[in-house]
Amino acid sequence: MPGRLRAPTGRYGGKTAAERQAERRRRFLDAGLQLFGDTPGFRATTVAALSEAAGLSTRQFYEEFRTLEDVLAALHLQVNGWAEAAVREAAAGAARLPLAERVTAIFSAYAGNLAADPRRMRIAFVEIIGVSPRLEEQRLARRAGWVDLICAEAEAAAAREDAAPRDYRLAATGFIGSVNGLLHDWSAGWVDATLDEVVDELVRQLLGILRPPGWEAPG
């Protein structure tokens, strides 16, 4: 009937309120990746600077986040999520490969995903350190997730009789420290090697853990 008002759809510019909110959040995270992961770094960034880089207002910032630490926390989880997705995809694609080739595919995916953007390295290994007890707890929880993933791979290899049967948690925890340390040092320019050489070294270390001297596959 003429003149009847339509029910509000919540759309503006062709986007719903939820879509606009998601876009604002993405823009703040993109700006955080740039400022925290490059220059000036998390500790020297202000809410005003982040908002300006995102092309949004400080009012809009506080509609999405309470503090800059919340942005860093979200970025840390996002960077790890990207790397884990790459690892799981590589693991699925290498399911039928021999152990050494499978491990190489997995670590190539992990290292390649982080090294594709040096800002991801800085978020994962530098900016997150020493910020607060809350972020330290998050960092260690995310690290424990990587330990669980390595233990699952090791236990699956042991079940196939490709690796020695043992409790791998302690070894996996130490190995993750080696992975993070070597990748950080490589990204900082302290290691004179290619990324492939770094991956090869990590593969050798893990195979040494999975197949210790004296162990032989049955049969």
Protein backbone atom coordinates (compact mmCIF):
# COMPACT_ATOMS: atom_id res chain seq x y z
CA MET A 1 0.00 0.00 0.00
CA PRO A 2 1.37 3.46 -0.90
CA GLY A 3 3.24 5.28 1.82
CA ARG A 4 3.78 2.23 4.02
CA LEU A 5 7.15 2.29 5.84
CA ARG A 6 9.43 -0.65 5.36
CA ALA A 7 10.78 -2.46 8.40
CA PRO A 8 14.39 -1.43 9.11
CA THR A 9 16.95 -3.88 7.74
CA GLY A 10 19.92 -2.62 9.72
CA ARG A 11 21.78 -2.07 6.46
CA TYR A 12 23.84 0.99 5.64
CA GLY A 13 25.85 1.27 2.44
CA GLY A 14 24.74 -2.25 1.56
CA LYS A 15 26.25 -3.75 4.74
CA THR A 16 24.65 -4.99 7.94
CA ALA A 17 25.69 -3.64 11.32
CA ALA A 18 27.58 -6.89 11.98
CA GLU A 19 29.41 -6.61 8.67
CA ARG A 20 30.39 -3.01 9.38
CA GLN A 21 31.63 -3.97 12.83
CA ALA A 22 33.68 -6.85 11.39
CA GLU A 23 35.20 -4.49 8.83
CA ARG A 24 36.15 -1.95 11.52
CA ARG A 25 37.76 -4.68 13.59
CA ARG A 26 39.69 -5.93 10.56
CA ARG A 27 40.95 -2.43 9.82
CA PHE A 28 42.16 -1.98 13.39
CA LEU A 29 43.91 -5.36 13.27
CA ASP A 30 45.51 -4.56 9.91
CA ALA A 31 46.77 -1.27 11.35
CA GLY A 32 48.03 -3.09 14.43
CA LEU A 33 49.92 -5.61 12.31
CA GLN A 34 51.64 -2.73 10.56
CA LEU A 35 52.44 -0.58 13.60
CA PHE A 36 53.17 -3.33 16.12
CA GLY A 37 54.89 -5.62 13.62
CA ASP A 38 57.03 -2.94 12.02
CA THR A 39 57.51 0.64 13.18
CA PRO A 40 57.13 1.93 15.86
CA GLY A 41 56.21 -1.34 17.64
CA PHE A 42 53.54 -2.07 20.23
CA ARG A 43 55.03 -0.13 23.12
CA ALA A 44 55.43 3.08 21.13
CA THR A 45 52.00 3.00 19.49
CA THR A 46 49.10 5.09 20.81
CA VAL A 47 45.37 4.60 20.36
CA ALA A 48 45.29 7.80 18.31
CA ALA A 49 48.08 6.59 16.00
CA LEU A 50 46.44 3.19 15.53
CA SER A 51 43.08 4.78 14.79
CA GLU A 52 44.63 7.15 12.27
CA ALA A 53 46.42 4.25 10.54
CA ALA A 54 43.12 2.37 10.38
CA GLY A 55 41.33 5.42 8.98
CA LEU A 56 38.89 5.33 11.91
CA SER A 57 38.21 7.37 15.03
CA THR A 58 39.32 6.73 18.59
CA ARG A 59 35.63 6.49 19.49
CA GLN A 60 35.32 3.61 17.05
CA PHE A 61 38.43 2.03 18.56
CA TYR A 62 36.83 1.90 22.00
CA GLU A 63 33.70 0.40 20.49
CA GLU A 64 35.82 -2.59 19.38
CA PHE A 65 38.60 -2.86 22.00
CA ARG A 66 39.26 -1.78 25.57
CA THR A 67 43.02 -1.32 25.21
CA LEU A 68 45.87 -1.63 22.73
CA GLU A 69 46.80 -4.82 24.57
CA ASP A 70 43.52 -6.31 23.36
CA VAL A 71 44.61 -5.60 19.78
CA LEU A 72 47.99 -7.26 20.35
CA ALA A 73 46.29 -10.28 21.95
CA ALA A 74 43.98 -10.65 18.96
CA LEU A 75 46.87 -10.29 16.51
CA HIS A 76 48.95 -12.89 18.35
CA LEU A 77 46.10 -15.40 18.11
CA GLN A 78 45.49 -14.47 14.48
CA VAL A 79 49.13 -14.94 13.46
CA ASN A 80 49.27 -18.31 15.22
CA GLY A 81 45.96 -19.28 13.65
CA TRP A 82 47.26 -18.56 10.16
CA ALA A 83 50.37 -20.66 10.82
CA GLU A 84 48.37 -23.53 12.29
CA ALA A 85 46.00 -23.57 9.32
CA ALA A 86 49.00 -23.78 6.99
CA VAL A 87 50.49 -26.62 9.04
CA ARG A 88 47.28 -28.63 9.13
CA GLU A 89 46.80 -28.21 5.39
CA ALA A 90 50.38 -29.37 4.77
CA ALA A 91 49.95 -32.32 7.13
CA ALA A 92 46.80 -33.40 5.32
CA GLY A 93 48.55 -33.17 1.95
CA ALA A 94 51.55 -35.14 3.21
CA ALA A 95 49.57 -37.85 4.96
CA ARG A 96 51.00 -40.67 2.83
CA LEU A 97 54.58 -39.44 2.60
CA PRO A 98 57.52 -41.03 4.45
CA LEU A 99 58.20 -39.47 7.86
CA ALA A 100 61.14 -37.25 6.82
CA GLU A 101 59.20 -35.83 3.87
CA ARG A 102 56.08 -35.32 5.97
CA VAL A 103 58.01 -33.46 8.69
CA THR A 104 59.71 -31.33 6.04
CA ALA A 105 56.36 -30.40 4.50
CA ILE A 106 54.94 -29.44 7.89
CA PHE A 107 57.86 -27.26 8.93
CA SER A 108 58.16 -25.70 5.51
CA ALA A 109 54.51 -24.67 5.83
CA TYR A 110 54.98 -23.28 9.35
CA ALA A 111 58.16 -21.36 8.61
CA GLY A 112 56.95 -20.22 5.21
CA ASN A 113 53.70 -18.84 6.60
CA LEU A 114 55.49 -16.75 9.23
CA ALA A 115 58.38 -15.70 6.99
CA ALA A 116 55.96 -14.57 4.26
CA ASP A 117 55.43 -11.43 6.35
CA PRO A 118 58.21 -10.37 8.79
CA ARG A 119 55.59 -8.51 10.81
CA ARG A 120 54.08 -11.85 11.77
CA MET A 121 57.46 -12.97 13.12
CA ARG A 122 57.71 -9.85 15.26
CA ILE A 123 54.20 -10.25 16.64
CA ALA A 124 54.76 -13.94 17.42
CA PHE A 125 58.26 -13.80 18.86
CA VAL A 126 59.02 -10.23 20.01
CA GLU A 127 56.13 -7.88 20.71
CA ILE A 128 54.16 -10.39 22.77
CA ILE A 129 57.00 -10.93 25.26
CA GLY A 130 56.83 -9.28 28.69
CA VAL A 131 53.73 -7.15 28.08
CA SER A 132 51.57 -8.42 30.93
CA PRO A 133 50.77 -11.59 32.90
CA ARG A 134 47.63 -11.97 30.80
CA LEU A 135 49.52 -12.01 27.50
CA GLU A 136 52.22 -14.24 28.95
CA GLU A 137 49.51 -16.72 29.88
CA GLN A 138 48.11 -16.50 26.35
CA ARG A 139 51.58 -16.95 24.82
CA LEU A 140 52.26 -20.05 26.90
CA ALA A 141 48.81 -21.47 26.19
CA ARG A 142 49.36 -21.03 22.45
CA ARG A 143 52.80 -22.59 22.78
CA ALA A 144 51.22 -25.55 24.59
CA GLY A 145 48.96 -25.97 21.58
CA TRP A 146 52.00 -26.35 19.34
CA VAL A 147 53.46 -28.88 21.79
CA ASP A 148 50.22 -30.87 21.59
CA LEU A 149 50.40 -30.83 17.79
CA ILE A 150 53.98 -32.14 17.77
CA CYS A 151 53.12 -34.82 20.34
CA ALA A 152 50.17 -35.95 18.20
CA GLU A 153 52.43 -36.21 15.13
CA ALA A 154 55.08 -38.08 17.14
CA GLU A 155 52.58 -40.50 18.65
CA ALA A 156 51.04 -41.18 15.24
CA ALA A 157 54.51 -41.88 13.84
CA ALA A 158 55.22 -44.23 16.76
CA ALA A 159 51.93 -46.04 16.12
CA ARG A 160 53.07 -46.58 12.51
CA GLU A 161 56.41 -47.82 13.88
CA ASP A 162 58.16 -44.90 12.14
CA ALA A 163 59.36 -43.49 15.47
CA ALA A 164 60.36 -44.72 18.90
CA PRO A 165 57.44 -45.24 21.32
CA ARG A 166 57.85 -42.86 24.29
CA ASP A 167 56.32 -39.90 26.10
CA TYR A 168 57.21 -36.99 23.82
CA ARG A 169 55.86 -34.06 25.85
CA LEU A 170 59.15 -32.97 27.42
CA ALA A 171 61.07 -33.36 24.16
CA ALA A 172 58.36 -31.51 22.22
CA THR A 173 58.43 -28.62 24.71
CA GLY A 174 62.19 -28.28 24.32
CA PHE A 175 61.93 -28.57 20.56
CA ILE A 176 59.34 -25.77 20.31
CA GLY A 177 61.81 -23.53 22.15
CA SER A 178 64.40 -24.40 19.51
CA VAL A 179 61.94 -23.67 16.68
CA ASN A 180 60.96 -20.28 18.05
CA GLY A 181 64.53 -19.30 18.90
CA LEU A 182 65.99 -20.28 15.53
CA LEU A 183 63.21 -18.64 13.51
CA HIS A 184 63.46 -15.46 15.57
CA ASP A 185 67.23 -15.28 15.17
CA TRP A 186 66.93 -15.98 11.44
CA SER A 187 64.32 -13.26 10.98
CA ALA A 188 66.49 -10.82 12.95
CA GLY A 189 69.43 -11.49 10.63
CA TRP A 190 71.53 -13.22 13.26
CA VAL A 191 71.61 -16.55 11.39
CA ASP A 192 73.41 -16.67 8.05
CA ALA A 193 71.23 -19.24 6.30
CA THR A 194 68.36 -19.52 3.89
CA LEU A 195 64.89 -20.36 5.18
CA ASP A 196 65.19 -23.79 3.55
CA GLU A 197 68.41 -24.40 5.50
CA VAL A 198 66.66 -23.38 8.71
CA VAL A 199 63.82 -25.80 7.96
CA ASP A 200 66.30 -28.59 7.16
CA GLU A 201 68.02 -28.05 10.51
CA LEU A 202 64.71 -28.18 12.39
CA VAL A 203 63.77 -31.37 10.52
CA ARG A 204 67.09 -32.98 11.47
CA GLN A 205 66.52 -32.06 15.11
CA LEU A 206 63.00 -33.48 15.18
CA LEU A 207 64.00 -36.68 13.39
CA GLY A 208 66.78 -37.09 15.96
CA ILE A 209 64.12 -36.90 18.68
CA LEU A 210 61.76 -39.28 16.92
CA ARG A 211 64.48 -41.74 15.95
CA PRO A 212 67.18 -41.60 18.66
CA PRO A 213 70.54 -43.32 18.21
CA GLY A 214 70.23 -47.06 18.72
CA TRP A 215 66.56 -47.24 17.83
CA GLU A 216 65.60 -49.27 14.78
CA ALA A 217 62.20 -49.63 13.19
CA PRO A 218 60.73 -53.12 13.76
CA GLY A 219 61.17 -55.44 10.84
